Amino acid sequence: MSQIETDNPALMAIREQRGLATKLGKKLGLSRSAVWMWKSVPPKHAVVVARALGMPVHMVCPSVFPAPKKAQKQKTTTRN
């Protein structure tokens, strides 16, 4: 099988961890080949894939689930 380059950490994990595509396929009702051919994780499967990988959903499917914004520091003012 040819290697597909990706910058998506979820897809990299699926392709690198032996048996993971099969395991996810069974959970999702898909074949191992169907999971392997993903160019991106389908949004409808993102939550299940994120849980299986132990990753935040925004890393699995960033096009649909944006990364949470960092908490902004609140400025404190003192009143006299």
N, C-alpha and C. Protein backbone atom coordinates (compact mmCIF):
# COMPACT_ATOMS: atom_id res chain seq x y z
N MET A 1 0.85 -1.17 0.00
CA MET A 1 0.00 0.00 0.00
C MET A 1 0.89 1.23 0.00
N SER A 2 0.55 2.23 -0.78
CA SER A 2 1.37 3.43 -0.83
C SER A 2 1.17 4.27 0.42
N GLN A 3 2.22 4.97 0.79
CA GLN A 3 2.15 5.80 1.98
C GLN A 3 1.50 7.13 1.62
N ILE A 4 0.52 7.53 2.40
CA ILE A 4 -0.18 8.78 2.18
C ILE A 4 0.34 9.76 3.22
N GLU A 5 0.83 10.90 2.75
CA GLU A 5 1.34 11.89 3.69
C GLU A 5 0.20 12.73 4.22
N THR A 6 0.27 13.04 5.48
CA THR A 6 -0.76 13.84 6.12
C THR A 6 -0.15 14.61 7.28
N ASP A 7 -0.74 15.75 7.59
CA ASP A 7 -0.30 16.48 8.77
C ASP A 7 -1.32 16.32 9.90
N ASN A 8 -2.32 15.48 9.68
CA ASN A 8 -3.34 15.24 10.70
C ASN A 8 -2.83 14.16 11.65
N PRO A 9 -2.65 14.50 12.93
CA PRO A 9 -2.10 13.51 13.87
C PRO A 9 -2.98 12.28 14.04
N ALA A 10 -4.28 12.42 13.88
CA ALA A 10 -5.18 11.27 14.01
C ALA A 10 -4.95 10.28 12.87
N LEU A 11 -4.86 10.79 11.66
CA LEU A 11 -4.63 9.90 10.52
C LEU A 11 -3.25 9.26 10.60
N MET A 12 -2.27 10.01 11.06
CA MET A 12 -0.93 9.44 11.22
C MET A 12 -0.97 8.29 12.22
N ALA A 13 -1.67 8.48 13.33
CA ALA A 13 -1.77 7.43 14.35
C ALA A 13 -2.49 6.20 13.81
N ILE A 14 -3.58 6.42 13.08
CA ILE A 14 -4.34 5.30 12.51
C ILE A 14 -3.46 4.48 11.58
N ARG A 15 -2.64 5.14 10.80
CA ARG A 15 -1.81 4.44 9.81
C ARG A 15 -0.57 3.82 10.42
N GLU A 16 -0.10 4.37 11.53
CA GLU A 16 1.13 3.87 12.13
C GLU A 16 0.89 2.74 13.14
N GLN A 17 -0.23 2.76 13.83
CA GLN A 17 -0.50 1.76 14.87
C GLN A 17 -1.14 0.52 14.25
N ARG A 18 -0.44 -0.55 14.34
CA ARG A 18 -0.91 -1.80 13.76
C ARG A 18 -2.27 -2.20 14.33
N GLY A 19 -3.21 -2.49 13.45
CA GLY A 19 -4.53 -2.96 13.85
C GLY A 19 -5.53 -1.87 14.19
N LEU A 20 -5.09 -0.63 14.26
CA LEU A 20 -6.00 0.44 14.67
C LEU A 20 -7.07 0.72 13.62
N ALA A 21 -6.71 0.68 12.35
CA ALA A 21 -7.71 0.91 11.30
C ALA A 21 -8.79 -0.17 11.34
N THR A 22 -8.40 -1.39 11.63
CA THR A 22 -9.36 -2.49 11.75
C THR A 22 -10.27 -2.27 12.95
N LYS A 23 -9.68 -1.90 14.08
CA LYS A 23 -10.45 -1.67 15.31
C LYS A 23 -11.45 -0.53 15.10
N LEU A 24 -11.00 0.57 14.51
CA LEU A 24 -11.91 1.69 14.26
C LEU A 24 -12.99 1.31 13.26
N GLY A 25 -12.60 0.58 12.24
CA GLY A 25 -13.57 0.13 11.24
C GLY A 25 -14.70 -0.68 11.87
N LYS A 26 -14.35 -1.57 12.78
CA LYS A 26 -15.37 -2.37 13.45
C LYS A 26 -16.28 -1.50 14.30
N LYS A 27 -15.70 -0.53 15.01
CA LYS A 27 -16.52 0.37 15.84
C LYS A 27 -17.47 1.22 14.99
N LEU A 28 -17.01 1.58 13.80
CA LEU A 28 -17.78 2.49 12.95
C LEU A 28 -18.61 1.78 11.88
N GLY A 29 -18.48 0.46 11.79
CA GLY A 29 -19.21 -0.28 10.76
C GLY A 29 -18.61 -0.11 9.38
N LEU A 30 -17.29 0.08 9.33
CA LEU A 30 -16.59 0.28 8.07
C LEU A 30 -15.51 -0.78 7.91
N SER A 31 -15.01 -0.93 6.72
CA SER A 31 -13.89 -1.84 6.50
C SER A 31 -12.59 -1.14 6.88
N ARG A 32 -11.57 -1.94 7.11
CA ARG A 32 -10.24 -1.40 7.40
C ARG A 32 -9.77 -0.54 6.23
N SER A 33 -10.05 -1.01 5.02
CA SER A 33 -9.65 -0.28 3.82
C SER A 33 -10.32 1.08 3.73
N ALA A 34 -11.58 1.15 4.10
CA ALA A 34 -12.30 2.42 4.06
C ALA A 34 -11.67 3.42 5.03
N VAL A 35 -11.31 2.95 6.23
CA VAL A 35 -10.67 3.83 7.21
C VAL A 35 -9.30 4.26 6.70
N TRP A 36 -8.56 3.34 6.15
CA TRP A 36 -7.21 3.62 5.65
C TRP A 36 -7.23 4.68 4.53
N MET A 37 -8.27 4.70 3.74
CA MET A 37 -8.34 5.62 2.60
C MET A 37 -8.77 7.04 2.96
N TRP A 38 -9.14 7.29 4.20
CA TRP A 38 -9.53 8.64 4.58
C TRP A 38 -8.42 9.63 4.30
N LYS A 39 -8.78 10.74 3.68
CA LYS A 39 -7.85 11.87 3.51
C LYS A 39 -8.00 12.82 4.68
N SER A 40 -9.15 12.75 5.33
CA SER A 40 -9.43 13.46 6.59
C SER A 40 -10.50 12.63 7.31
N VAL A 41 -10.56 12.79 8.60
CA VAL A 41 -11.55 12.04 9.38
C VAL A 41 -12.92 12.66 9.12
N PRO A 42 -13.89 11.87 8.66
CA PRO A 42 -15.23 12.40 8.44
C PRO A 42 -15.80 12.96 9.75
N PRO A 43 -16.39 14.15 9.70
CA PRO A 43 -16.93 14.75 10.91
C PRO A 43 -17.87 13.85 11.70
N LYS A 44 -18.65 13.02 11.02
CA LYS A 44 -19.60 12.16 11.73
C LYS A 44 -18.89 11.07 12.55
N HIS A 45 -17.62 10.82 12.27
CA HIS A 45 -16.85 9.82 13.01
C HIS A 45 -15.82 10.44 13.95
N ALA A 46 -15.72 11.75 13.97
CA ALA A 46 -14.64 12.43 14.70
C ALA A 46 -14.65 12.14 16.19
N VAL A 47 -15.80 12.13 16.83
CA VAL A 47 -15.86 11.92 18.28
C VAL A 47 -15.40 10.50 18.64
N VAL A 48 -15.86 9.51 17.90
CA VAL A 48 -15.47 8.12 18.18
C VAL A 48 -13.97 7.95 17.96
N VAL A 49 -13.45 8.51 16.88
CA VAL A 49 -12.02 8.41 16.58
C VAL A 49 -11.21 9.13 17.67
N ALA A 50 -11.65 10.30 18.07
CA ALA A 50 -10.94 11.05 19.11
C ALA A 50 -10.87 10.25 20.41
N ARG A 51 -11.97 9.65 20.80
CA ARG A 51 -11.99 8.84 22.03
C ARG A 51 -11.07 7.63 21.91
N ALA A 52 -11.11 6.98 20.76
CA ALA A 52 -10.29 5.79 20.56
C ALA A 52 -8.80 6.12 20.60
N LEU A 53 -8.45 7.30 20.13
CA LEU A 53 -7.05 7.71 20.08
C LEU A 53 -6.61 8.47 21.33
N GLY A 54 -7.57 8.90 22.14
CA GLY A 54 -7.23 9.70 23.30
C GLY A 54 -6.77 11.10 22.93
N MET A 55 -7.34 11.61 21.85
CA MET A 55 -6.98 12.94 21.35
C MET A 55 -8.18 13.87 21.46
N PRO A 56 -7.94 15.16 21.58
CA PRO A 56 -9.06 16.10 21.54
C PRO A 56 -9.68 16.10 20.14
N VAL A 57 -10.97 16.26 20.07
CA VAL A 57 -11.68 16.19 18.79
C VAL A 57 -11.19 17.27 17.81
N HIS A 58 -10.72 18.41 18.32
CA HIS A 58 -10.24 19.45 17.39
C HIS A 58 -8.96 19.03 16.68
N MET A 59 -8.23 18.07 17.22
CA MET A 59 -7.04 17.57 16.54
C MET A 59 -7.40 16.51 15.50
N VAL A 60 -8.51 15.86 15.72
CA VAL A 60 -8.96 14.80 14.81
C VAL A 60 -9.64 15.39 13.57
N CYS A 61 -10.45 16.39 13.78
CA CYS A 61 -11.22 16.99 12.68
C CYS A 61 -11.23 18.53 12.82
N PRO A 62 -10.07 19.16 12.57
CA PRO A 62 -9.96 20.60 12.82
C PRO A 62 -10.82 21.46 11.90
N SER A 63 -11.22 20.94 10.77
CA SER A 63 -12.04 21.75 9.85
C SER A 63 -13.45 21.98 10.40
N VAL A 64 -13.91 21.11 11.29
CA VAL A 64 -15.26 21.22 11.84
C VAL A 64 -15.24 21.63 13.31
N PHE A 65 -14.26 21.13 14.04
CA PHE A 65 -14.15 21.41 15.46
C PHE A 65 -12.93 22.28 15.72
N PRO A 66 -13.11 23.59 15.84
CA PRO A 66 -11.95 24.47 16.04
C PRO A 66 -11.31 24.25 17.41
N ALA A 67 -10.04 24.56 17.48
CA ALA A 67 -9.33 24.45 18.74
C ALA A 67 -9.90 25.46 19.73
N PRO A 68 -9.98 25.06 20.98
CA PRO A 68 -10.49 26.01 21.99
C PRO A 68 -9.52 27.18 22.14
N LYS A 69 -10.08 28.34 22.36
CA LYS A 69 -9.25 29.52 22.55
C LYS A 69 -8.67 29.50 23.95
N LYS A 70 -7.44 29.93 24.04
CA LYS A 70 -6.79 29.97 25.35
C LYS A 70 -7.46 31.04 26.19
N ALA A 71 -7.55 30.75 27.44
CA ALA A 71 -8.17 31.72 28.37
C ALA A 71 -7.34 32.99 28.39
N GLN A 72 -8.00 34.07 28.20
CA GLN A 72 -7.30 35.36 28.21
C GLN A 72 -7.13 35.80 29.65
N LYS A 73 -5.99 36.39 29.91
CA LYS A 73 -5.75 36.90 31.25
C LYS A 73 -6.64 38.11 31.47
N GLN A 74 -7.29 38.12 32.59
CA GLN A 74 -8.15 39.25 32.91
C GLN A 74 -7.31 40.32 33.58
N LYS A 75 -7.51 41.51 33.11
CA LYS A 75 -6.82 42.63 33.73
C LYS A 75 -7.57 43.02 35.00
N THR A 76 -6.82 43.16 36.04
CA THR A 76 -7.44 43.58 37.29
C THR A 76 -7.13 45.05 37.52
N THR A 77 -8.11 45.75 37.88
CA THR A 77 -7.90 47.16 38.20
C THR A 77 -8.25 47.38 39.65
N THR A 78 -7.52 48.24 40.23
CA THR A 78 -7.80 48.55 41.63
C THR A 78 -8.46 49.90 41.70
N ARG A 79 -9.45 49.97 42.52
CA ARG A 79 -10.16 51.23 42.70
C ARG A 79 -9.82 51.76 44.08
N ASN A 80 -9.55 53.02 44.14
CA ASN A 80 -9.24 53.65 45.43
C ASN A 80 -10.43 54.31 46.01
